[in-house]
Amino acid sequence: MERSIFAAIIGGFLGILALGGLAFVHPASDYDSNAQPASTPPPPPGPQPKPEGDWRILDPVTYENISVFPVVASYGQDTSAFLTLQEGLATGEVVVRERGSEEMVRGRDGRPVYIPQPTGASVNQLVLINRSKRPLVLLAGELVSGGKQDRIIGKDRIVPVGAPPLPLDVFCVEHGRWTGSSQFAAASTIVHPSVREKAAVDQAQTEVWSAVRTGTTAKAAPSAPPPMISESRLQTAIAGNAHTEAYEKIYQSSAVGVSIDDFVAEVQRRFANATSGLKSEHVVGVVVAYGGEVAWSDIFASGDLFDQYWHKLLRSYAVEALARPTVRAVASREGASEFLRRLNGRETMETEPGVYRWSEITEGPLAEIELEALQPKPMKLHRLLLHRTS
């Protein structure tokens, strides 16, 4: 009797263990009312948007002493909501005037109204009004011609729709003239990297003038071959313009001894051939090297926005190439790829709430500047990374 009771207890205990083991090894979904049945596979994840900065760098387009690495992306932002300075000035939707000689206010119909002022014009400030229905993008180094002197934009920014007349920080690139009207016209020019660096990073008027006069601020080795545009030729071009150091007149002068247009045309032809076979990708920027030194990059939020700036950017890169020693080395693709990474260093930031955010990061000799639009949705419109020359 005792043996039978003991056997029954042991048998029951073993049965409980067996059931527990089955529960352990069986799929949990059969026992979890919140889980899907084991036979139903989980739904596939939805498409995820590709992040900004999903870039790929191509082999360089080379000519003489310049290498241009196309930067491509399969995904781009919709930048059609933004207006460029060149577009706005050409159509009259953007008006730029001297500041101080008159006051510009926005009339009820959005048109500017000019009120004469007793004070004189200011070298480093203009007044801008955006009359268009689109936010206006300004990039450091863009030139506006006319007024009492030609000027360049001092810093990347966005001017919103309906904004009051904006006091605009600028730098003069025409030392020696202080006459003319107060009105400015479109100029399809961005100054070359040595000048643009002094405006965008150093924010120094005297250094901007110096870079215009000397061509490049990059230091050359004593044994380096001479540049095609020498400083002496630049001085000849300046003297030929009645001592008016107008940026466009200097670099369009035959006195510089070389055709910038021919140089640009050849690089453009090679660049177009190198990028014509792209299928699902678009060129959104470039990394530029002179000789074997990677020096500069401009990258945009979309291929469309890059296209709007490309020709005048290319001309600026060509001027820099012609002013640097004619070293015909080719920079490595790995070295160019370094210009796609985000810097890790000291960061400064400025913002206009609801309009844009501007940031600058410095890491050793490198400087990175980003312009981010906050409306109609956040997007990084432009990214500049450069190797400082001083």
Protein backbone atom coordinates (compact mmCIF):
# COMPACT_ATOMS: atom_id res chain seq x y z
CA MET A 1 0.00 0.00 0.00
CA GLU A 2 2.72 2.47 0.95
CA ARG A 3 4.66 1.47 -2.17
CA SER A 4 1.55 2.21 -4.35
CA ILE A 5 1.01 5.64 -2.76
CA PHE A 6 4.71 6.49 -3.21
CA ALA A 7 4.63 5.38 -6.88
CA ALA A 8 1.54 7.51 -7.52
CA ILE A 9 3.21 10.58 -6.02
CA ILE A 10 6.37 10.05 -8.09
CA GLY A 11 4.33 9.51 -11.27
CA GLY A 12 2.36 12.70 -10.74
CA PHE A 13 5.53 14.68 -10.08
CA LEU A 14 7.13 13.38 -13.31
CA GLY A 15 3.97 14.27 -15.25
CA ILE A 16 4.10 17.86 -14.01
CA LEU A 17 7.78 18.08 -15.05
CA ALA A 18 6.95 16.76 -18.53
CA LEU A 19 4.19 19.30 -19.04
CA GLY A 20 6.48 22.11 -17.84
CA GLY A 21 9.17 21.02 -20.31
CA LEU A 22 6.69 21.05 -23.16
CA ALA A 23 5.57 24.51 -22.18
CA PHE A 24 9.21 25.69 -22.18
CA VAL A 25 10.19 24.34 -25.61
CA HIS A 26 6.92 25.16 -27.39
CA PRO A 27 6.76 28.56 -29.16
CA ALA A 28 5.68 31.23 -26.71
CA SER A 29 3.27 32.72 -29.25
CA ASP A 30 0.86 29.76 -28.69
CA TYR A 31 0.51 30.76 -25.04
CA ASP A 32 0.73 34.56 -25.27
CA SER A 33 -2.59 36.11 -26.17
CA ASN A 34 -0.78 39.29 -27.29
CA ALA A 35 1.62 37.51 -29.68
CA GLN A 36 0.93 36.51 -33.29
CA PRO A 37 0.45 32.82 -34.14
CA ALA A 38 3.72 31.07 -34.90
CA SER A 39 2.63 30.39 -38.48
CA THR A 40 2.16 34.13 -39.30
CA PRO A 41 5.42 35.94 -40.21
CA PRO A 42 5.87 39.50 -38.89
CA PRO A 43 4.94 42.25 -41.36
CA PRO A 44 7.87 43.68 -43.36
CA PRO A 45 9.17 47.03 -42.08
CA GLY A 46 7.97 50.10 -43.99
CA PRO A 47 10.38 52.08 -46.18
CA GLN A 48 12.68 54.26 -44.14
CA PRO A 49 13.72 57.69 -45.47
CA LYS A 50 17.41 57.93 -46.25
CA PRO A 51 19.22 60.39 -44.01
CA GLU A 52 20.80 63.59 -45.24
CA GLY A 53 24.49 63.07 -45.83
CA ASP A 54 24.00 59.72 -47.59
CA TRP A 55 26.73 60.64 -50.05
CA ARG A 56 29.07 58.76 -52.37
CA ILE A 57 32.21 60.21 -53.88
CA LEU A 58 33.26 59.46 -57.47
CA ASP A 59 36.67 59.38 -59.10
CA PRO A 60 38.14 62.82 -59.73
CA VAL A 61 37.75 64.93 -62.83
CA THR A 62 41.26 66.29 -63.43
CA TYR A 63 42.68 69.09 -65.56
CA GLU A 64 46.00 70.91 -65.15
CA ASN A 65 46.39 71.32 -61.36
CA ILE A 66 42.76 70.84 -60.28
CA SER A 67 40.87 67.68 -59.27
CA VAL A 68 37.10 67.85 -58.82
CA PHE A 69 35.48 64.88 -57.08
CA PRO A 70 31.71 64.67 -57.78
CA VAL A 71 29.61 63.92 -54.69
CA VAL A 72 26.42 62.03 -55.52
CA ALA A 73 23.35 60.92 -53.60
CA SER A 74 20.34 58.76 -54.45
CA TYR A 75 18.11 60.88 -52.23
CA GLY A 76 17.63 64.64 -52.16
CA GLN A 77 15.38 67.15 -50.44
CA ASP A 78 12.78 69.21 -52.29
CA THR A 79 14.43 72.65 -52.45
CA SER A 80 12.02 74.22 -54.95
CA ALA A 81 10.54 76.36 -52.17
CA PHE A 82 13.74 78.44 -51.96
CA LEU A 83 14.94 81.38 -54.06
CA THR A 84 18.60 82.05 -54.90
CA LEU A 85 20.16 85.51 -54.90
CA GLN A 86 20.96 85.35 -58.61
CA GLU A 87 17.33 84.49 -59.44
CA GLY A 88 15.93 87.17 -57.15
CA LEU A 89 18.12 90.00 -58.42
CA ALA A 90 17.54 89.03 -62.06
CA THR A 91 13.73 89.08 -61.68
CA GLY A 92 13.55 92.10 -59.37
CA GLU A 93 12.06 90.03 -56.54
CA VAL A 94 15.14 90.91 -54.46
CA VAL A 95 16.35 94.49 -54.11
CA VAL A 96 19.73 95.51 -52.67
CA ARG A 97 20.67 99.11 -51.90
CA GLU A 98 23.37 101.09 -50.12
CA ARG A 99 22.67 101.60 -46.44
CA GLY A 100 22.87 105.11 -44.94
CA SER A 101 22.36 107.26 -48.03
CA GLU A 102 18.67 106.35 -47.96
CA GLU A 103 16.26 104.28 -45.92
CA MET A 104 14.41 101.44 -47.61
CA VAL A 105 11.03 100.45 -46.17
CA ARG A 106 8.42 97.96 -47.38
CA GLY A 107 5.31 99.57 -48.84
CA ARG A 108 1.81 98.20 -48.40
CA ASP A 109 2.06 96.39 -51.73
CA GLY A 110 5.42 94.85 -50.78
CA ARG A 111 7.40 97.17 -53.02
CA PRO A 112 10.35 99.04 -51.53
CA VAL A 113 10.00 102.74 -50.72
CA TYR A 114 13.20 104.84 -50.54
CA ILE A 115 13.54 107.72 -48.09
CA PRO A 116 16.68 109.91 -48.44
CA GLN A 117 18.89 110.04 -45.34
CA PRO A 118 21.49 112.64 -44.30
CA THR A 119 24.10 110.04 -43.34
CA GLY A 120 26.51 108.44 -45.84
CA ALA A 121 26.63 104.89 -47.15
CA SER A 122 28.42 102.15 -45.19
CA VAL A 123 31.18 99.95 -46.66
CA ASN A 124 30.27 96.80 -44.74
CA GLN A 125 26.49 96.96 -44.68
CA LEU A 126 23.82 97.03 -47.36
CA VAL A 127 20.04 96.80 -47.14
CA LEU A 128 18.16 93.92 -48.77
CA ILE A 129 14.45 93.32 -49.21
CA ASN A 130 12.93 90.00 -50.28
CA ARG A 131 9.73 90.72 -52.22
CA SER A 132 9.20 87.16 -53.43
CA LYS A 133 6.90 84.45 -52.10
CA ARG A 134 9.88 82.20 -51.35
CA PRO A 135 12.58 82.32 -48.66
CA LEU A 136 15.83 83.71 -50.07
CA VAL A 137 19.10 81.77 -49.71
CA LEU A 138 22.33 83.77 -49.38
CA LEU A 139 25.78 82.16 -49.50
CA ALA A 140 28.98 83.79 -48.29
CA GLY A 141 31.05 84.98 -51.23
CA GLU A 142 28.16 85.74 -53.61
CA LEU A 143 28.77 89.03 -55.38
CA VAL A 144 26.40 91.95 -55.94
CA SER A 145 27.67 94.57 -58.37
CA GLY A 146 26.97 98.29 -58.52
CA GLY A 147 26.36 100.79 -55.77
CA LYS A 148 29.41 102.70 -54.68
CA GLN A 149 31.50 99.50 -54.56
CA ASP A 150 30.97 95.84 -55.48
CA ARG A 151 30.30 93.72 -52.38
CA ILE A 152 30.08 90.05 -51.41
CA ILE A 153 27.74 88.40 -48.92
CA GLY A 154 29.51 87.94 -45.60
CA LYS A 155 27.70 84.90 -44.20
CA ASP A 156 25.27 82.15 -45.24
CA ARG A 157 21.70 82.91 -44.19
CA ILE A 158 18.03 82.77 -45.22
CA VAL A 159 15.76 85.81 -45.58
CA PRO A 160 12.13 84.82 -44.93
CA VAL A 161 9.08 85.87 -46.92
CA GLY A 162 7.61 89.20 -45.80
CA ALA A 163 10.66 90.20 -43.74
CA PRO A 164 11.34 93.91 -43.19
CA PRO A 165 14.34 95.43 -45.02
CA LEU A 166 17.39 93.57 -43.76
CA PRO A 167 20.67 95.24 -42.73
CA LEU A 168 23.05 92.88 -44.54
CA ASP A 169 26.69 92.35 -43.53
CA VAL A 170 28.96 92.40 -46.58
CA PHE A 171 32.59 92.80 -47.62
CA CYS A 172 33.91 95.09 -50.31
CA VAL A 173 35.77 93.53 -53.25
CA GLU A 174 36.36 96.76 -55.12
CA HIS A 175 38.90 98.79 -53.22
CA GLY A 176 39.44 102.25 -54.72
CA ARG A 177 35.93 103.24 -55.91
CA TRP A 178 33.33 105.08 -53.86
CA THR A 179 31.06 106.61 -56.48
CA GLY A 180 27.94 105.59 -58.32
CA SER A 181 24.29 104.97 -57.58
CA SER A 182 22.88 103.20 -54.56
CA GLN A 183 21.41 100.37 -56.63
CA PHE A 184 22.85 96.87 -57.18
CA ALA A 185 22.38 94.38 -60.00
CA ALA A 186 22.70 90.62 -60.44
CA ALA A 187 26.19 89.17 -60.76
CA SER A 188 26.61 85.48 -61.55
CA THR A 189 29.79 85.29 -59.49
CA ILE A 190 31.04 83.70 -56.30
CA VAL A 191 34.53 84.82 -55.35
CA HIS A 192 37.23 82.15 -55.39
CA PRO A 193 38.04 80.13 -52.26
CA SER A 194 40.92 82.27 -50.93
CA VAL A 195 38.69 85.36 -50.90
CA ARG A 196 35.61 83.45 -49.76
CA GLU A 197 37.52 81.98 -46.81
CA LYS A 198 38.49 85.45 -45.58
CA ALA A 199 34.85 86.52 -45.69
CA ALA A 200 33.09 83.38 -44.44
CA VAL A 201 35.58 82.26 -41.78
CA ASP A 202 37.89 85.15 -40.87
CA GLN A 203 35.27 87.90 -41.34
CA ALA A 204 38.05 90.44 -42.03
CA GLN A 205 37.76 93.23 -44.63
CA THR A 206 41.49 93.92 -44.97
CA GLU A 207 42.19 90.23 -45.55
CA VAL A 208 39.44 90.09 -48.18
CA TRP A 209 41.11 92.94 -50.09
CA SER A 210 44.51 91.27 -49.75
CA ALA A 211 43.20 87.98 -51.15
CA VAL A 212 41.65 89.81 -54.13
CA ARG A 213 45.01 91.44 -54.91
CA THR A 214 47.26 88.39 -54.44
CA GLY A 215 45.05 85.72 -56.01
CA THR A 216 45.60 83.02 -53.41
CA THR A 217 46.42 82.93 -49.73
CA ALA A 218 47.70 79.33 -49.89
CA LYS A 219 51.38 78.97 -49.01
CA ALA A 220 53.51 77.45 -51.78
CA ALA A 221 56.78 75.56 -51.43
CA PRO A 222 59.79 77.50 -52.78
CA SER A 223 60.38 74.82 -55.41
CA ALA A 224 56.75 74.77 -56.63
CA PRO A 225 56.13 75.65 -60.28
CA PRO A 226 54.72 79.18 -60.72
CA PRO A 227 50.99 79.77 -61.07
CA MET A 228 49.42 80.65 -64.41
CA ILE A 229 48.02 83.87 -62.86
CA SER A 230 50.91 85.46 -61.00
CA GLU A 231 50.65 88.29 -58.50
CA SER A 232 52.55 90.59 -60.87
CA ARG A 233 49.97 89.94 -63.60
CA LEU A 234 47.19 90.72 -61.15
CA GLN A 235 48.86 94.04 -60.34
CA THR A 236 49.03 94.78 -64.07
CA ALA A 237 45.31 94.03 -64.38
CA ILE A 238 44.56 96.31 -61.42
CA ALA A 239 46.61 99.14 -62.93
CA GLY A 240 44.79 98.70 -66.24
CA ASN A 241 41.46 99.31 -64.49
CA ALA A 242 42.44 102.83 -63.41
CA HIS A 243 43.42 101.55 -59.96
CA THR A 244 39.89 100.38 -59.22
CA GLU A 245 40.35 96.96 -57.68
CA ALA A 246 37.04 95.55 -58.89
CA TYR A 247 37.03 91.77 -58.48
CA GLU A 248 35.21 90.96 -61.72
CA LYS A 249 37.24 93.42 -63.82
CA ILE A 250 40.54 92.07 -62.49
CA TYR A 251 39.79 88.42 -63.20
CA GLN A 252 38.14 89.08 -66.55
CA SER A 253 41.05 91.22 -67.75
CA SER A 254 43.29 89.97 -70.57
CA ALA A 255 46.21 91.27 -68.48
CA VAL A 256 46.03 88.18 -66.24
CA GLY A 257 47.54 86.33 -69.20
CA VAL A 258 45.25 83.31 -69.31
CA SER A 259 41.63 82.64 -70.28
CA ILE A 260 39.60 81.66 -67.23
CA ASP A 261 36.65 80.91 -69.52
CA ASP A 262 38.65 78.33 -71.49
CA PHE A 263 39.80 76.66 -68.26
CA VAL A 264 36.22 76.52 -66.96
CA ALA A 265 34.88 75.15 -70.25
CA GLU A 266 37.37 72.27 -70.28
CA VAL A 267 36.70 71.26 -66.66
CA GLN A 268 32.96 71.51 -67.29
CA ARG A 269 33.23 69.27 -70.37
CA ARG A 270 35.14 66.62 -68.45
CA PHE A 271 32.82 66.87 -65.46
CA ALA A 272 29.72 66.45 -67.65
CA ASN A 273 31.23 63.36 -69.31
CA ALA A 274 32.15 61.82 -65.95
CA THR A 275 28.66 62.27 -64.47
CA SER A 276 26.51 61.62 -67.55
CA GLY A 277 26.08 57.90 -66.82
CA LEU A 278 24.43 58.30 -63.42
CA LYS A 279 21.06 56.55 -63.20
CA SER A 280 19.43 56.63 -59.77
CA GLU A 281 21.85 59.20 -58.30
CA HIS A 282 22.30 62.93 -58.68
CA VAL A 283 25.32 65.19 -58.20
CA VAL A 284 24.73 67.23 -55.04
CA GLY A 285 28.21 68.66 -54.52
CA VAL A 286 31.93 68.49 -55.13
CA VAL A 287 35.21 68.11 -53.26
CA VAL A 288 38.03 70.14 -54.83
CA ALA A 289 41.79 69.58 -54.67
CA TYR A 290 44.68 71.64 -56.02
CA GLY A 291 47.71 69.55 -56.87
CA GLY A 292 47.71 66.80 -54.27
CA GLU A 293 46.03 68.92 -51.58
CA VAL A 294 42.31 68.53 -50.85
CA ALA A 295 41.17 72.06 -50.08
CA TRP A 296 37.45 72.68 -50.40
CA SER A 297 33.95 71.22 -50.66
CA ASP A 298 30.44 72.54 -51.37
CA ILE A 299 27.51 70.15 -50.88
CA PHE A 300 23.80 70.97 -51.22
CA ALA A 301 20.48 69.47 -50.13
CA SER A 302 19.49 68.55 -53.68
CA GLY A 303 20.83 68.13 -57.17
CA ASP A 304 18.58 70.97 -58.34
CA LEU A 305 20.09 73.42 -55.85
CA PHE A 306 23.62 72.30 -56.77
CA ASP A 307 22.83 72.88 -60.45
CA GLN A 308 21.80 76.47 -59.74
CA TYR A 309 25.17 77.26 -58.16
CA TRP A 310 27.43 74.95 -60.17
CA HIS A 311 28.64 77.23 -62.95
CA LYS A 312 29.66 80.13 -60.74
CA LEU A 313 31.18 77.76 -58.20
CA LEU A 314 33.21 76.09 -60.94
CA ARG A 315 34.48 79.47 -62.12
CA SER A 316 35.55 80.29 -58.56
CA TYR A 317 37.45 76.98 -58.27
CA ALA A 318 39.13 77.68 -61.63
CA VAL A 319 40.35 81.12 -60.54
CA GLU A 320 41.87 79.55 -57.43
CA ALA A 321 43.53 76.83 -59.50
CA LEU A 322 45.06 79.39 -61.87
CA ALA A 323 46.36 81.44 -58.94
CA ARG A 324 48.01 78.42 -57.25
CA PRO A 325 51.24 76.71 -58.33
CA THR A 326 50.77 74.43 -61.35
CA VAL A 327 51.44 71.20 -59.45
CA ARG A 328 49.88 68.42 -61.52
CA ALA A 329 49.60 65.81 -58.77
CA VAL A 330 46.20 64.18 -58.21
CA ALA A 331 44.73 63.94 -54.72
CA SER A 332 43.59 60.54 -53.49
CA ARG A 333 39.95 59.54 -53.34
CA GLU A 334 40.47 58.56 -49.69
CA GLY A 335 41.73 62.05 -48.89
CA ALA A 336 38.73 63.60 -50.60
CA SER A 337 36.37 61.31 -48.67
CA GLU A 338 37.66 62.85 -45.44
CA PHE A 339 35.84 66.03 -46.47
CA LEU A 340 32.51 64.20 -46.18
CA ARG A 341 32.85 63.47 -42.48
CA ARG A 342 31.49 65.74 -39.77
CA LEU A 343 34.21 67.56 -37.86
CA ASN A 344 34.71 67.04 -34.16
CA GLY A 345 35.72 70.32 -32.60
CA ARG A 346 34.59 73.66 -31.23
CA GLU A 347 31.14 74.64 -32.52
CA THR A 348 29.47 78.04 -32.70
CA MET A 349 25.85 78.52 -33.70
CA GLU A 350 23.49 81.32 -34.68
CA THR A 351 19.79 81.02 -35.36
CA GLU A 352 16.75 82.99 -36.43
CA PRO A 353 13.84 81.11 -34.82
CA GLY A 354 11.60 79.44 -37.35
CA VAL A 355 13.81 80.51 -40.28
CA TYR A 356 17.34 79.07 -40.25
CA ARG A 357 20.25 77.82 -38.19
CA TRP A 358 23.90 78.57 -39.03
CA SER A 359 26.75 76.62 -37.44
CA GLU A 360 30.52 76.50 -37.70
CA ILE A 361 32.82 73.75 -36.43
CA THR A 362 36.60 74.08 -36.40
CA GLU A 363 39.01 71.17 -36.05
CA GLY A 364 42.66 72.04 -36.49
CA PRO A 365 43.09 73.64 -39.94
CA LEU A 366 39.61 72.51 -41.05
CA ALA A 367 36.43 74.58 -40.86
CA GLU A 368 32.90 73.34 -41.53
CA ILE A 369 29.94 75.69 -42.06
CA GLU A 370 26.34 74.45 -42.36
CA LEU A 371 23.18 76.35 -43.25
CA GLU A 372 20.01 74.59 -42.10
CA ALA A 373 16.53 75.77 -43.09
CA LEU A 374 13.89 75.37 -40.36
CA GLN A 375 10.88 75.99 -42.63
CA PRO A 376 8.97 74.65 -44.50
CA LYS A 377 10.75 71.69 -42.91
CA PRO A 378 14.21 71.24 -41.37
CA MET A 379 16.88 70.51 -43.99
CA LYS A 380 20.58 71.28 -44.36
CA LEU A 381 20.61 73.41 -47.49
CA HIS A 382 24.36 73.90 -47.81
CA ARG A 383 27.51 72.49 -46.26
CA LEU A 384 30.95 74.00 -46.77
CA LEU A 385 34.13 72.33 -45.53
CA LEU A 386 37.54 73.88 -46.20
CA HIS A 387 41.19 73.50 -45.33
CA ARG A 388 42.24 76.92 -44.10
CA THR A 389 45.14 78.58 -45.87
CA SER A 390 46.25 80.60 -42.83
